[in-house]
Amino acid sequence: MTIFGNQLDFISTIIGFFILMDPFGNVLYFSGMLEDLPKEKRFRTIMIQLLIGLAIIFIFFFYGEYMLYGLYVSYASASVGGGIILFMIAARMVFLNLEESEKRKQLKMSLPPSVTLVAGPGVLAFAVIYSGENLTVLGAYVCVLIPWALSSCIFIFSAFFLRIFGPKGLKAIEKLMGLILTIIAAELLLEGIAQYVSGGMAWYISA
């Protein structure tokens, strides 16, 4: 144990949040969103949206366990469901081509940036599932702030990353992150099944 809690849970949660925020996959969308904004308003707009997204994540991360408890959902069920959702997101990240990515970009343009950038459905599902992990309060804050800060830097300097890697390079990075997410999804799914088999069906998360 460290000041952040269980070290393995701490590291895996950071990695999971960062991959699900998908900063490299969202660079194309983000650069398109900035085109319609005056340069003097871009940074302020970016930070407002990123901070709103961060607040949403914290709400789900700190109160997700109570949400599951209120819905009478066991950890086993939440883990299996979360694993399936992450599998679907990972498959999209791995197999989505550039043409489909452009269509996704147009769809995202109609959604609130705070949701699209950092607080998407995958991130919130992950936050709820991992809300009961063995982390201290400091660890919980840090394991959200680190991936959020890294993603925010990538979004803020999206033009630089787009110029360096290009659309195909960014897509290749997104595919690699999708493969890592597949492993995390498999672990969640197997953990949920194991919990269910060992009696998890009758065990519900306590507040």
N, C-alpha and C. Protein backbone atom coordinates (compact mmCIF):
# COMPACT_ATOMS: atom_id res chain seq x y z
N MET A 1 0.84 -1.21 0.00
CA MET A 1 0.00 0.00 0.00
C MET A 1 0.87 1.25 0.00
N THR A 2 0.42 2.28 -0.70
CA THR A 2 1.12 3.55 -0.75
C THR A 2 0.16 4.65 -0.27
N ILE A 3 0.61 5.89 -0.32
CA ILE A 3 -0.27 7.00 0.07
C ILE A 3 -1.44 7.13 -0.89
N PHE A 4 -1.35 6.48 -2.07
CA PHE A 4 -2.43 6.52 -3.05
C PHE A 4 -3.36 5.31 -2.93
N GLY A 5 -3.00 4.35 -2.09
CA GLY A 5 -3.78 3.13 -1.99
C GLY A 5 -3.04 1.97 -2.64
N ASN A 6 -3.80 0.97 -3.10
CA ASN A 6 -3.19 -0.16 -3.78
C ASN A 6 -2.48 0.30 -5.06
N GLN A 7 -1.19 0.01 -5.17
CA GLN A 7 -0.39 0.54 -6.27
C GLN A 7 -0.86 0.02 -7.63
N LEU A 8 -1.20 -1.27 -7.70
CA LEU A 8 -1.64 -1.85 -8.97
C LEU A 8 -2.96 -1.24 -9.42
N ASP A 9 -3.92 -1.09 -8.50
CA ASP A 9 -5.20 -0.46 -8.82
C ASP A 9 -5.00 0.99 -9.26
N PHE A 10 -4.09 1.67 -8.58
CA PHE A 10 -3.81 3.07 -8.89
C PHE A 10 -3.30 3.23 -10.32
N ILE A 11 -2.32 2.42 -10.70
CA ILE A 11 -1.72 2.51 -12.03
C ILE A 11 -2.71 2.09 -13.11
N SER A 12 -3.42 0.99 -12.88
CA SER A 12 -4.36 0.50 -13.88
C SER A 12 -5.51 1.49 -14.10
N THR A 13 -5.92 2.19 -13.03
CA THR A 13 -7.00 3.18 -13.17
C THR A 13 -6.53 4.37 -13.99
N ILE A 14 -5.31 4.82 -13.77
CA ILE A 14 -4.75 5.93 -14.56
C ILE A 14 -4.71 5.55 -16.04
N ILE A 15 -4.18 4.37 -16.34
CA ILE A 15 -4.07 3.92 -17.73
C ILE A 15 -5.45 3.80 -18.37
N GLY A 16 -6.39 3.22 -17.63
CA GLY A 16 -7.73 3.05 -18.17
C GLY A 16 -8.41 4.37 -18.49
N PHE A 17 -8.33 5.33 -17.58
CA PHE A 17 -8.92 6.64 -17.83
C PHE A 17 -8.28 7.31 -19.06
N PHE A 18 -6.96 7.26 -19.14
CA PHE A 18 -6.27 7.93 -20.26
C PHE A 18 -6.68 7.33 -21.60
N ILE A 19 -6.73 6.01 -21.68
CA ILE A 19 -7.10 5.36 -22.93
C ILE A 19 -8.53 5.69 -23.31
N LEU A 20 -9.43 5.68 -22.34
CA LEU A 20 -10.84 5.94 -22.63
C LEU A 20 -11.10 7.39 -22.99
N MET A 21 -10.29 8.29 -22.48
CA MET A 21 -10.42 9.69 -22.91
C MET A 21 -10.02 9.86 -24.37
N ASP A 22 -9.22 8.92 -24.86
CA ASP A 22 -8.85 8.83 -26.28
C ASP A 22 -8.39 10.19 -26.84
N PRO A 23 -7.39 10.81 -26.23
CA PRO A 23 -6.98 12.15 -26.69
C PRO A 23 -6.46 12.16 -28.12
N PHE A 24 -5.71 11.14 -28.52
CA PHE A 24 -5.17 11.12 -29.88
C PHE A 24 -6.27 10.91 -30.92
N GLY A 25 -7.25 10.08 -30.57
CA GLY A 25 -8.36 9.86 -31.49
C GLY A 25 -9.27 11.07 -31.62
N ASN A 26 -9.26 11.94 -30.60
CA ASN A 26 -10.13 13.12 -30.62
C ASN A 26 -9.45 14.38 -31.14
N VAL A 27 -8.17 14.27 -31.50
CA VAL A 27 -7.44 15.45 -31.98
C VAL A 27 -8.09 16.03 -33.24
N LEU A 28 -8.50 15.16 -34.17
CA LEU A 28 -9.12 15.64 -35.41
C LEU A 28 -10.41 16.40 -35.11
N TYR A 29 -11.22 15.84 -34.20
CA TYR A 29 -12.46 16.51 -33.81
C TYR A 29 -12.15 17.84 -33.15
N PHE A 30 -11.18 17.83 -32.28
CA PHE A 30 -10.84 19.01 -31.50
C PHE A 30 -10.34 20.14 -32.40
N SER A 31 -9.48 19.79 -33.35
CA SER A 31 -8.97 20.81 -34.26
C SER A 31 -10.10 21.40 -35.10
N GLY A 32 -11.08 20.56 -35.45
CA GLY A 32 -12.23 21.05 -36.20
C GLY A 32 -13.10 21.98 -35.38
N MET A 33 -13.22 21.69 -34.08
CA MET A 33 -14.01 22.54 -33.20
C MET A 33 -13.37 23.91 -33.04
N LEU A 34 -12.04 23.96 -33.02
CA LEU A 34 -11.34 25.23 -32.81
C LEU A 34 -11.38 26.14 -34.03
N GLU A 35 -11.63 25.56 -35.20
CA GLU A 35 -11.63 26.36 -36.42
C GLU A 35 -12.67 27.47 -36.38
N ASP A 36 -13.79 27.21 -35.69
CA ASP A 36 -14.89 28.18 -35.67
C ASP A 36 -14.76 29.20 -34.53
N LEU A 37 -13.69 29.11 -33.75
CA LEU A 37 -13.52 30.03 -32.62
C LEU A 37 -12.42 31.04 -32.89
N PRO A 38 -12.61 32.29 -32.48
CA PRO A 38 -11.53 33.27 -32.57
C PRO A 38 -10.35 32.82 -31.73
N LYS A 39 -9.15 33.13 -32.15
CA LYS A 39 -7.95 32.67 -31.45
C LYS A 39 -7.91 33.13 -30.00
N GLU A 40 -8.39 34.35 -29.73
CA GLU A 40 -8.31 34.87 -28.37
C GLU A 40 -9.28 34.17 -27.42
N LYS A 41 -10.29 33.45 -27.95
CA LYS A 41 -11.26 32.77 -27.10
C LYS A 41 -10.99 31.27 -26.98
N ARG A 42 -10.04 30.75 -27.75
CA ARG A 42 -9.85 29.31 -27.81
C ARG A 42 -9.44 28.70 -26.48
N PHE A 43 -8.39 29.26 -25.86
CA PHE A 43 -7.88 28.65 -24.63
C PHE A 43 -8.93 28.69 -23.52
N ARG A 44 -9.61 29.80 -23.37
CA ARG A 44 -10.64 29.93 -22.33
C ARG A 44 -11.76 28.93 -22.56
N THR A 45 -12.19 28.79 -23.80
CA THR A 45 -13.26 27.84 -24.13
C THR A 45 -12.82 26.42 -23.87
N ILE A 46 -11.59 26.10 -24.26
CA ILE A 46 -11.05 24.75 -24.04
C ILE A 46 -11.05 24.41 -22.56
N MET A 47 -10.52 25.31 -21.74
CA MET A 47 -10.37 25.04 -20.32
C MET A 47 -11.73 24.90 -19.63
N ILE A 48 -12.70 25.73 -20.02
CA ILE A 48 -14.03 25.63 -19.42
C ILE A 48 -14.63 24.25 -19.68
N GLN A 49 -14.54 23.81 -20.93
CA GLN A 49 -15.11 22.51 -21.29
C GLN A 49 -14.37 21.36 -20.61
N LEU A 50 -13.04 21.46 -20.53
CA LEU A 50 -12.26 20.41 -19.88
C LEU A 50 -12.54 20.35 -18.39
N LEU A 51 -12.73 21.49 -17.75
CA LEU A 51 -13.03 21.52 -16.32
C LEU A 51 -14.43 20.98 -16.03
N ILE A 52 -15.38 21.27 -16.92
CA ILE A 52 -16.72 20.70 -16.76
C ILE A 52 -16.66 19.18 -16.86
N GLY A 53 -15.89 18.69 -17.84
CA GLY A 53 -15.73 17.25 -17.99
C GLY A 53 -15.08 16.62 -16.77
N LEU A 54 -14.08 17.30 -16.20
CA LEU A 54 -13.39 16.79 -15.00
C LEU A 54 -14.37 16.70 -13.83
N ALA A 55 -15.20 17.72 -13.67
CA ALA A 55 -16.18 17.71 -12.57
C ALA A 55 -17.16 16.55 -12.72
N ILE A 56 -17.59 16.29 -13.93
CA ILE A 56 -18.52 15.17 -14.18
C ILE A 56 -17.87 13.84 -13.82
N ILE A 57 -16.60 13.67 -14.20
CA ILE A 57 -15.88 12.43 -13.89
C ILE A 57 -15.77 12.24 -12.38
N PHE A 58 -15.42 13.30 -11.66
CA PHE A 58 -15.28 13.20 -10.21
C PHE A 58 -16.60 12.79 -9.55
N ILE A 59 -17.70 13.33 -10.04
CA ILE A 59 -19.01 12.97 -9.48
C ILE A 59 -19.27 11.48 -9.63
N PHE A 60 -19.03 10.95 -10.83
CA PHE A 60 -19.27 9.52 -11.06
C PHE A 60 -18.26 8.66 -10.32
N PHE A 61 -17.02 9.15 -10.20
CA PHE A 61 -15.98 8.36 -9.57
C PHE A 61 -16.17 8.25 -8.06
N PHE A 62 -16.59 9.35 -7.44
CA PHE A 62 -16.74 9.35 -5.99
C PHE A 62 -18.10 8.84 -5.53
N TYR A 63 -19.11 8.93 -6.40
CA TYR A 63 -20.46 8.51 -6.00
C TYR A 63 -20.97 7.32 -6.81
N GLY A 64 -20.12 6.76 -7.67
CA GLY A 64 -20.54 5.62 -8.49
C GLY A 64 -20.96 4.42 -7.66
N GLU A 65 -20.23 4.19 -6.57
CA GLU A 65 -20.56 3.05 -5.70
C GLU A 65 -21.96 3.20 -5.12
N TYR A 66 -22.33 4.43 -4.78
CA TYR A 66 -23.67 4.67 -4.23
C TYR A 66 -24.73 4.53 -5.32
N MET A 67 -24.38 4.89 -6.55
CA MET A 67 -25.31 4.72 -7.67
C MET A 67 -25.64 3.24 -7.86
N LEU A 68 -24.60 2.41 -7.83
CA LEU A 68 -24.81 0.97 -7.99
C LEU A 68 -25.63 0.42 -6.82
N TYR A 69 -25.33 0.90 -5.64
CA TYR A 69 -26.06 0.45 -4.46
C TYR A 69 -27.53 0.83 -4.56
N GLY A 70 -27.81 2.05 -5.02
CA GLY A 70 -29.19 2.50 -5.15
C GLY A 70 -29.96 1.73 -6.20
N LEU A 71 -29.26 1.25 -7.21
CA LEU A 71 -29.90 0.47 -8.28
C LEU A 71 -29.90 -1.02 -7.98
N TYR A 72 -29.34 -1.42 -6.84
CA TYR A 72 -29.23 -2.83 -6.46
C TYR A 72 -28.45 -3.63 -7.51
N VAL A 73 -27.38 -3.03 -7.96
CA VAL A 73 -26.53 -3.69 -8.95
C VAL A 73 -25.29 -4.21 -8.24
N SER A 74 -25.00 -5.50 -8.40
CA SER A 74 -23.82 -6.08 -7.77
C SER A 74 -22.57 -5.67 -8.53
N TYR A 75 -21.44 -5.78 -7.85
CA TYR A 75 -20.17 -5.47 -8.52
C TYR A 75 -19.94 -6.41 -9.69
N ALA A 76 -20.37 -7.68 -9.54
CA ALA A 76 -20.19 -8.66 -10.61
C ALA A 76 -20.92 -8.21 -11.88
N SER A 77 -22.17 -7.77 -11.71
CA SER A 77 -22.96 -7.31 -12.87
C SER A 77 -22.34 -6.06 -13.49
N ALA A 78 -21.92 -5.13 -12.63
CA ALA A 78 -21.32 -3.89 -13.13
C ALA A 78 -20.02 -4.18 -13.87
N SER A 79 -19.24 -5.13 -13.35
CA SER A 79 -17.96 -5.47 -13.96
C SER A 79 -18.16 -6.12 -15.32
N VAL A 80 -19.11 -7.05 -15.41
CA VAL A 80 -19.39 -7.71 -16.69
C VAL A 80 -19.93 -6.70 -17.70
N GLY A 81 -20.89 -5.88 -17.26
CA GLY A 81 -21.44 -4.87 -18.17
C GLY A 81 -20.38 -3.88 -18.62
N GLY A 82 -19.54 -3.44 -17.67
CA GLY A 82 -18.46 -2.52 -18.03
C GLY A 82 -17.47 -3.14 -18.98
N GLY A 83 -17.16 -4.41 -18.77
CA GLY A 83 -16.25 -5.11 -19.67
C GLY A 83 -16.78 -5.16 -21.09
N ILE A 84 -18.08 -5.42 -21.23
CA ILE A 84 -18.70 -5.47 -22.56
C ILE A 84 -18.65 -4.09 -23.23
N ILE A 85 -18.95 -3.04 -22.46
CA ILE A 85 -18.90 -1.69 -23.01
C ILE A 85 -17.49 -1.34 -23.47
N LEU A 86 -16.50 -1.67 -22.65
CA LEU A 86 -15.11 -1.37 -23.02
C LEU A 86 -14.67 -2.17 -24.24
N PHE A 87 -15.16 -3.40 -24.36
CA PHE A 87 -14.87 -4.20 -25.56
C PHE A 87 -15.39 -3.49 -26.81
N MET A 88 -16.60 -2.97 -26.73
CA MET A 88 -17.21 -2.28 -27.86
C MET A 88 -16.42 -1.03 -28.23
N ILE A 89 -16.00 -0.27 -27.20
CA ILE A 89 -15.20 0.93 -27.45
C ILE A 89 -13.85 0.57 -28.05
N ALA A 90 -13.23 -0.50 -27.51
CA ALA A 90 -11.93 -0.94 -28.03
C ALA A 90 -12.04 -1.38 -29.48
N ALA A 91 -13.12 -2.09 -29.82
CA ALA A 91 -13.32 -2.54 -31.20
C ALA A 91 -13.46 -1.34 -32.14
N ARG A 92 -14.17 -0.31 -31.69
CA ARG A 92 -14.31 0.90 -32.51
C ARG A 92 -12.96 1.57 -32.72
N MET A 93 -12.15 1.62 -31.67
CA MET A 93 -10.84 2.27 -31.76
C MET A 93 -9.91 1.50 -32.70
N VAL A 94 -10.00 0.17 -32.68
CA VAL A 94 -9.08 -0.66 -33.47
C VAL A 94 -9.49 -0.74 -34.93
N PHE A 95 -10.80 -0.87 -35.19
CA PHE A 95 -11.25 -1.18 -36.55
C PHE A 95 -11.82 0.01 -37.31
N LEU A 96 -12.00 1.15 -36.66
CA LEU A 96 -12.55 2.32 -37.34
C LEU A 96 -11.54 2.87 -38.34
N ASN A 97 -11.95 3.03 -39.61
CA ASN A 97 -11.04 3.60 -40.61
C ASN A 97 -11.19 5.11 -40.68
N LEU A 98 -10.37 5.74 -41.50
CA LEU A 98 -10.36 7.20 -41.55
C LEU A 98 -11.68 7.78 -42.04
N GLU A 99 -12.35 7.09 -42.99
CA GLU A 99 -13.62 7.59 -43.50
C GLU A 99 -14.68 7.56 -42.41
N GLU A 100 -14.74 6.45 -41.68
CA GLU A 100 -15.70 6.36 -40.59
C GLU A 100 -15.35 7.32 -39.47
N SER A 101 -14.05 7.55 -39.28
CA SER A 101 -13.60 8.49 -38.26
C SER A 101 -14.09 9.90 -38.58
N GLU A 102 -14.12 10.25 -39.86
CA GLU A 102 -14.61 11.56 -40.28
C GLU A 102 -16.09 11.69 -39.97
N LYS A 103 -16.86 10.60 -40.18
CA LYS A 103 -18.28 10.63 -39.86
C LYS A 103 -18.48 10.79 -38.35
N ARG A 104 -17.64 10.10 -37.56
CA ARG A 104 -17.72 10.21 -36.11
C ARG A 104 -17.41 11.63 -35.66
N LYS A 105 -16.47 12.26 -36.38
CA LYS A 105 -16.11 13.64 -36.06
C LYS A 105 -17.32 14.56 -36.24
N GLN A 106 -18.07 14.37 -37.33
CA GLN A 106 -19.25 15.19 -37.59
C GLN A 106 -20.31 14.96 -36.51
N LEU A 107 -20.46 13.70 -36.05
CA LEU A 107 -21.42 13.41 -35.00
C LEU A 107 -21.01 14.09 -33.70
N LYS A 108 -19.74 14.05 -33.38
CA LYS A 108 -19.25 14.64 -32.14
C LYS A 108 -19.43 16.14 -32.12
N MET A 109 -19.41 16.75 -33.31
CA MET A 109 -19.56 18.20 -33.36
C MET A 109 -20.91 18.65 -32.83
N SER A 110 -21.90 17.72 -32.80
CA SER A 110 -23.23 18.06 -32.32
C SER A 110 -23.39 17.81 -30.82
N LEU A 111 -22.34 17.28 -30.16
CA LEU A 111 -22.39 16.97 -28.74
C LEU A 111 -21.65 18.02 -27.93
N PRO A 112 -21.97 18.17 -26.63
CA PRO A 112 -21.22 19.10 -25.78
C PRO A 112 -19.75 18.72 -25.74
N PRO A 113 -18.82 19.64 -25.97
CA PRO A 113 -17.38 19.31 -25.98
C PRO A 113 -16.90 18.66 -24.69
N SER A 114 -17.45 19.08 -23.54
CA SER A 114 -17.01 18.50 -22.27
C SER A 114 -17.29 17.00 -22.21
N VAL A 115 -18.39 16.56 -22.84
CA VAL A 115 -18.74 15.15 -22.89
C VAL A 115 -17.87 14.42 -23.90
N THR A 116 -17.70 15.03 -25.06
CA THR A 116 -16.95 14.39 -26.13
C THR A 116 -15.48 14.25 -25.80
N LEU A 117 -14.89 15.25 -25.16
CA LEU A 117 -13.45 15.27 -24.95
C LEU A 117 -12.99 14.35 -23.84
N VAL A 118 -13.57 14.48 -22.65
CA VAL A 118 -13.03 13.71 -21.53
C VAL A 118 -14.08 12.91 -20.75
N ALA A 119 -15.34 13.25 -20.82
CA ALA A 119 -16.34 12.60 -19.98
C ALA A 119 -17.36 11.85 -20.83
N GLY A 120 -16.86 11.03 -21.75
CA GLY A 120 -17.73 10.24 -22.58
C GLY A 120 -18.33 9.06 -21.81
N PRO A 121 -19.24 8.31 -22.44
CA PRO A 121 -19.89 7.17 -21.77
C PRO A 121 -18.90 6.13 -21.25
N GLY A 122 -17.86 5.84 -22.02
CA GLY A 122 -16.87 4.86 -21.60
C GLY A 122 -16.14 5.29 -20.34
N VAL A 123 -15.77 6.57 -20.29
CA VAL A 123 -15.06 7.10 -19.12
C VAL A 123 -15.95 7.05 -17.88
N LEU A 124 -17.21 7.42 -18.04
CA LEU A 124 -18.12 7.44 -16.89
C LEU A 124 -18.43 6.03 -16.40
N ALA A 125 -18.58 5.09 -17.34
CA ALA A 125 -18.80 3.69 -16.95
C ALA A 125 -17.59 3.16 -16.18
N PHE A 126 -16.41 3.50 -16.66
CA PHE A 126 -15.17 3.08 -16.00
C PHE A 126 -15.08 3.70 -14.61
N ALA A 127 -15.48 4.97 -14.48
CA ALA A 127 -15.44 5.66 -13.20
C ALA A 127 -16.36 5.00 -12.19
N VAL A 128 -17.55 4.61 -12.64
CA VAL A 128 -18.50 3.96 -11.73
C VAL A 128 -17.97 2.61 -11.27
N ILE A 129 -17.43 1.82 -12.19
CA ILE A 129 -16.95 0.48 -11.85
C ILE A 129 -15.77 0.55 -10.89
N TYR A 130 -14.86 1.50 -11.11
CA TYR A 130 -13.66 1.59 -10.30
C TYR A 130 -13.82 2.49 -9.08
N SER A 131 -15.05 2.94 -8.83
CA SER A 131 -15.27 3.85 -7.69
C SER A 131 -15.05 3.16 -6.36
N GLY A 132 -15.16 1.83 -6.33
CA GLY A 132 -14.97 1.11 -5.08
C GLY A 132 -13.61 0.49 -4.92
N GLU A 133 -12.65 0.88 -5.78
CA GLU A 133 -11.32 0.29 -5.71
C GLU A 133 -10.57 0.73 -4.46
N ASN A 134 -9.47 0.02 -4.17
CA ASN A 134 -8.69 0.28 -2.95
C ASN A 134 -7.77 1.48 -3.13
N LEU A 135 -8.38 2.67 -3.18
CA LEU A 135 -7.62 3.90 -3.34
C LEU A 135 -7.92 4.84 -2.19
N THR A 136 -6.93 5.60 -1.77
CA THR A 136 -7.18 6.65 -0.77
C THR A 136 -7.85 7.82 -1.47
N VAL A 137 -8.31 8.79 -0.69
CA VAL A 137 -8.93 9.97 -1.29
C VAL A 137 -7.93 10.69 -2.19
N LEU A 138 -6.68 10.81 -1.71
CA LEU A 138 -5.63 11.43 -2.52
C LEU A 138 -5.40 10.62 -3.79
N GLY A 139 -5.35 9.30 -3.67
CA GLY A 139 -5.15 8.45 -4.84
C GLY A 139 -6.26 8.58 -5.85
N ALA A 140 -7.50 8.72 -5.37
CA ALA A 140 -8.64 8.86 -6.27
C ALA A 140 -8.55 10.16 -7.07
N TYR A 141 -8.17 11.25 -6.37
CA TYR A 141 -8.02 12.52 -7.07
C TYR A 141 -6.89 12.45 -8.11
N VAL A 142 -5.76 11.90 -7.71
CA VAL A 142 -4.58 11.88 -8.58
C VAL A 142 -4.80 10.99 -9.80
N CYS A 143 -5.45 9.84 -9.61
CA CYS A 143 -5.60 8.92 -10.74
C CYS A 143 -6.60 9.44 -11.77
N VAL A 144 -7.37 10.46 -11.42
CA VAL A 144 -8.22 11.13 -12.40
C VAL A 144 -7.50 12.35 -12.98
N LEU A 145 -6.80 13.08 -12.13
CA LEU A 145 -6.15 14.31 -12.57
C LEU A 145 -5.00 14.05 -13.55
N ILE A 146 -4.24 12.97 -13.34
CA ILE A 146 -3.10 12.70 -14.24
C ILE A 146 -3.56 12.46 -15.67
N PRO A 147 -4.48 11.50 -15.93
CA PRO A 147 -4.91 11.31 -17.32
C PRO A 147 -5.65 12.51 -17.88
N TRP A 148 -6.39 13.22 -17.02
CA TRP A 148 -7.09 14.43 -17.48
C TRP A 148 -6.09 15.49 -17.92
N ALA A 149 -5.03 15.69 -17.13
CA ALA A 149 -4.01 16.70 -17.46
C ALA A 149 -3.28 16.33 -18.74
N LEU A 150 -2.92 15.06 -18.89
CA LEU A 150 -2.24 14.62 -20.12
C LEU A 150 -3.12 14.81 -21.34
N SER A 151 -4.39 14.41 -21.20
CA SER A 151 -5.33 14.57 -22.32
C SER A 151 -5.55 16.04 -22.64
N SER A 152 -5.64 16.87 -21.61
CA SER A 152 -5.84 18.30 -21.81
C SER A 152 -4.68 18.92 -22.58
N CYS A 153 -3.45 18.52 -22.25
CA CYS A 153 -2.27 19.03 -22.95
C CYS A 153 -2.31 18.64 -24.43
N ILE A 154 -2.72 17.40 -24.69
CA ILE A 154 -2.82 16.94 -26.08
C ILE A 154 -3.88 17.73 -26.83
N PHE A 155 -5.01 18.00 -26.17
CA PHE A 155 -6.07 18.78 -26.81
C PHE A 155 -5.63 20.22 -27.07
N ILE A 156 -4.99 20.82 -26.09
CA ILE A 156 -4.56 22.22 -26.22
C ILE A 156 -3.55 22.37 -27.36
N PHE A 157 -2.66 21.38 -27.49
CA PHE A 157 -1.64 21.42 -28.56
C PHE A 157 -2.02 20.48 -29.69
N SER A 158 -3.32 20.38 -29.96
CA SER A 158 -3.81 19.45 -30.99
C SER A 158 -3.23 19.75 -32.37
N ALA A 159 -3.06 21.04 -32.69
CA ALA A 159 -2.51 21.39 -34.00
C ALA A 159 -1.09 20.86 -34.15
N PHE A 160 -0.31 20.92 -33.07
CA PHE A 160 1.07 20.42 -33.09
C PHE A 160 1.08 18.90 -33.34
N PHE A 161 0.26 18.16 -32.60
CA PHE A 161 0.24 16.70 -32.76
C PHE A 161 -0.28 16.30 -34.13
N LEU A 162 -1.24 17.05 -34.64
CA LEU A 162 -1.78 16.76 -35.97
C LEU A 162 -0.72 16.99 -37.04
N ARG A 163 0.09 18.03 -36.85
CA ARG A 163 1.15 18.33 -37.81
C ARG A 163 2.28 17.30 -37.74
N ILE A 164 2.59 16.83 -36.54
CA ILE A 164 3.68 15.87 -36.36
C ILE A 164 3.30 14.47 -36.84
N PHE A 165 2.15 13.98 -36.41
CA PHE A 165 1.77 12.59 -36.70
C PHE A 165 0.90 12.45 -37.94
N GLY A 166 0.10 13.49 -38.23
CA GLY A 166 -0.84 13.38 -39.34
C GLY A 166 -2.03 12.51 -38.96
N PRO A 167 -3.11 12.54 -39.75
CA PRO A 167 -4.31 11.74 -39.45
C PRO A 167 -4.01 10.25 -39.33
N LYS A 168 -3.19 9.71 -40.23
CA LYS A 168 -2.91 8.27 -40.21
C LYS A 168 -2.08 7.89 -38.99
N GLY A 169 -1.13 8.73 -38.61
CA GLY A 169 -0.32 8.44 -37.44
C GLY A 169 -1.15 8.47 -36.16
N LEU A 170 -2.05 9.45 -36.05
CA LEU A 170 -2.92 9.53 -34.88
C LEU A 170 -3.84 8.32 -34.81
N LYS A 171 -4.31 7.87 -35.98
CA LYS A 171 -5.18 6.70 -36.02
C LYS A 171 -4.42 5.46 -35.58
N ALA A 172 -3.15 5.36 -35.96
CA ALA A 172 -2.34 4.21 -35.56
C ALA A 172 -2.15 4.18 -34.03
N ILE A 173 -1.94 5.36 -33.45
CA ILE A 173 -1.80 5.44 -31.99
C ILE A 173 -3.11 5.04 -31.31
N GLU A 174 -4.23 5.49 -31.89
CA GLU A 174 -5.54 5.15 -31.32
C GLU A 174 -5.77 3.64 -31.38
N LYS A 175 -5.35 3.01 -32.46
CA LYS A 175 -5.50 1.55 -32.58
C LYS A 175 -4.69 0.83 -31.50
N LEU A 176 -3.47 1.31 -31.25
CA LEU A 176 -2.63 0.71 -30.22
C LEU A 176 -3.29 0.85 -28.84
N MET A 177 -3.84 2.02 -28.56
CA MET A 177 -4.53 2.23 -27.29
C MET A 177 -5.77 1.34 -27.20
N GLY A 178 -6.41 1.11 -28.33
CA GLY A 178 -7.57 0.22 -28.36
C GLY A 178 -7.21 -1.21 -27.99
N LEU A 179 -6.04 -1.65 -28.44
CA LEU A 179 -5.58 -3.01 -28.10
C LEU A 179 -5.34 -3.14 -26.59
N ILE A 180 -4.75 -2.10 -26.00
CA ILE A 180 -4.53 -2.12 -24.55
C ILE A 180 -5.87 -2.12 -23.81
N LEU A 181 -6.82 -1.35 -24.34
CA LEU A 181 -8.15 -1.30 -23.72
C LEU A 181 -8.83 -2.66 -23.78
N THR A 182 -8.57 -3.43 -24.83
CA THR A 182 -9.14 -4.78 -24.94
C THR A 182 -8.71 -5.65 -23.77
N ILE A 183 -7.45 -5.52 -23.37
CA ILE A 183 -6.93 -6.30 -22.24
C ILE A 183 -7.64 -5.89 -20.95
N ILE A 184 -7.83 -4.58 -20.76
CA ILE A 184 -8.52 -4.09 -19.57
C ILE A 184 -9.96 -4.59 -19.55
N ALA A 185 -10.61 -4.57 -20.72
CA ALA A 185 -12.00 -5.04 -20.82
C ALA A 185 -12.10 -6.51 -20.48
N ALA A 186 -11.15 -7.30 -20.98
CA ALA A 186 -11.14 -8.74 -20.69
C ALA A 186 -10.98 -8.99 -19.20
N GLU A 187 -10.11 -8.22 -18.56
CA GLU A 187 -9.88 -8.38 -17.13
C GLU A 187 -11.15 -8.06 -16.34
N LEU A 188 -11.84 -6.98 -16.72
CA LEU A 188 -13.09 -6.63 -16.04
C LEU A 188 -14.14 -7.71 -16.22
N LEU A 189 -14.25 -8.21 -17.44
CA LEU A 189 -15.24 -9.24 -17.74
C LEU A 189 -14.97 -10.51 -16.94
N LEU A 190 -13.73 -10.96 -16.94
CA LEU A 190 -13.36 -12.18 -16.21
C LEU A 190 -13.52 -12.00 -14.70
N GLU A 191 -13.19 -10.81 -14.22
CA GLU A 191 -13.34 -10.53 -12.78
C GLU A 191 -14.80 -10.59 -12.37
N GLY A 192 -15.67 -10.03 -13.22
CA GLY A 192 -17.09 -10.06 -12.93
C GLY A 192 -17.65 -11.47 -12.95
N ILE A 193 -17.23 -12.27 -13.94
CA ILE A 193 -17.71 -13.65 -14.04
C ILE A 193 -17.24 -14.46 -12.83
N ALA A 194 -15.96 -14.26 -12.44
CA ALA A 194 -15.42 -14.98 -11.29
C ALA A 194 -16.18 -14.62 -10.02
N GLN A 195 -16.51 -13.33 -9.86
CA GLN A 195 -17.25 -12.87 -8.69
C GLN A 195 -18.65 -13.48 -8.67
N TYR A 196 -19.27 -13.56 -9.83
CA TYR A 196 -20.62 -14.12 -9.93
C TYR A 196 -20.60 -15.61 -9.59
N VAL A 197 -19.63 -16.34 -10.12
CA VAL A 197 -19.52 -17.78 -9.90
C VAL A 197 -19.25 -18.08 -8.42
N SER A 198 -18.47 -17.22 -7.77
CA SER A 198 -18.11 -17.47 -6.37
C SER A 198 -19.14 -16.95 -5.37
N GLY A 199 -20.29 -16.54 -5.89
CA GLY A 199 -21.36 -16.10 -4.99
C GLY A 199 -21.70 -14.64 -5.12
N GLY A 200 -21.17 -13.98 -6.14
CA GLY A 200 -21.39 -12.55 -6.31
C GLY A 200 -22.84 -12.20 -6.61
N MET A 201 -23.63 -13.19 -7.09
CA MET A 201 -25.01 -12.89 -7.43
C MET A 201 -25.80 -12.43 -6.21
N ALA A 202 -25.41 -12.94 -5.05
CA ALA A 202 -26.15 -12.59 -3.85
C ALA A 202 -25.47 -11.48 -3.04
N TRP A 203 -24.33 -11.04 -3.58
CA TRP A 203 -23.57 -10.03 -2.84
C TRP A 203 -23.70 -8.69 -3.53
N TYR A 204 -24.16 -7.67 -2.82
CA TYR A 204 -24.32 -6.35 -3.40
C TYR A 204 -23.39 -5.38 -2.71
N ILE A 205 -22.99 -4.42 -3.48
CA ILE A 205 -22.05 -3.42 -2.97
C ILE A 205 -22.71 -2.63 -1.84
N SER A 206 -21.98 -2.50 -0.76
CA SER A 206 -22.49 -1.75 0.38
C SER A 206 -21.95 -0.34 0.35
N ALA A 207 -22.73 0.61 0.79
CA ALA A 207 -22.30 2.00 0.76
C ALA A 207 -21.28 2.25 1.84
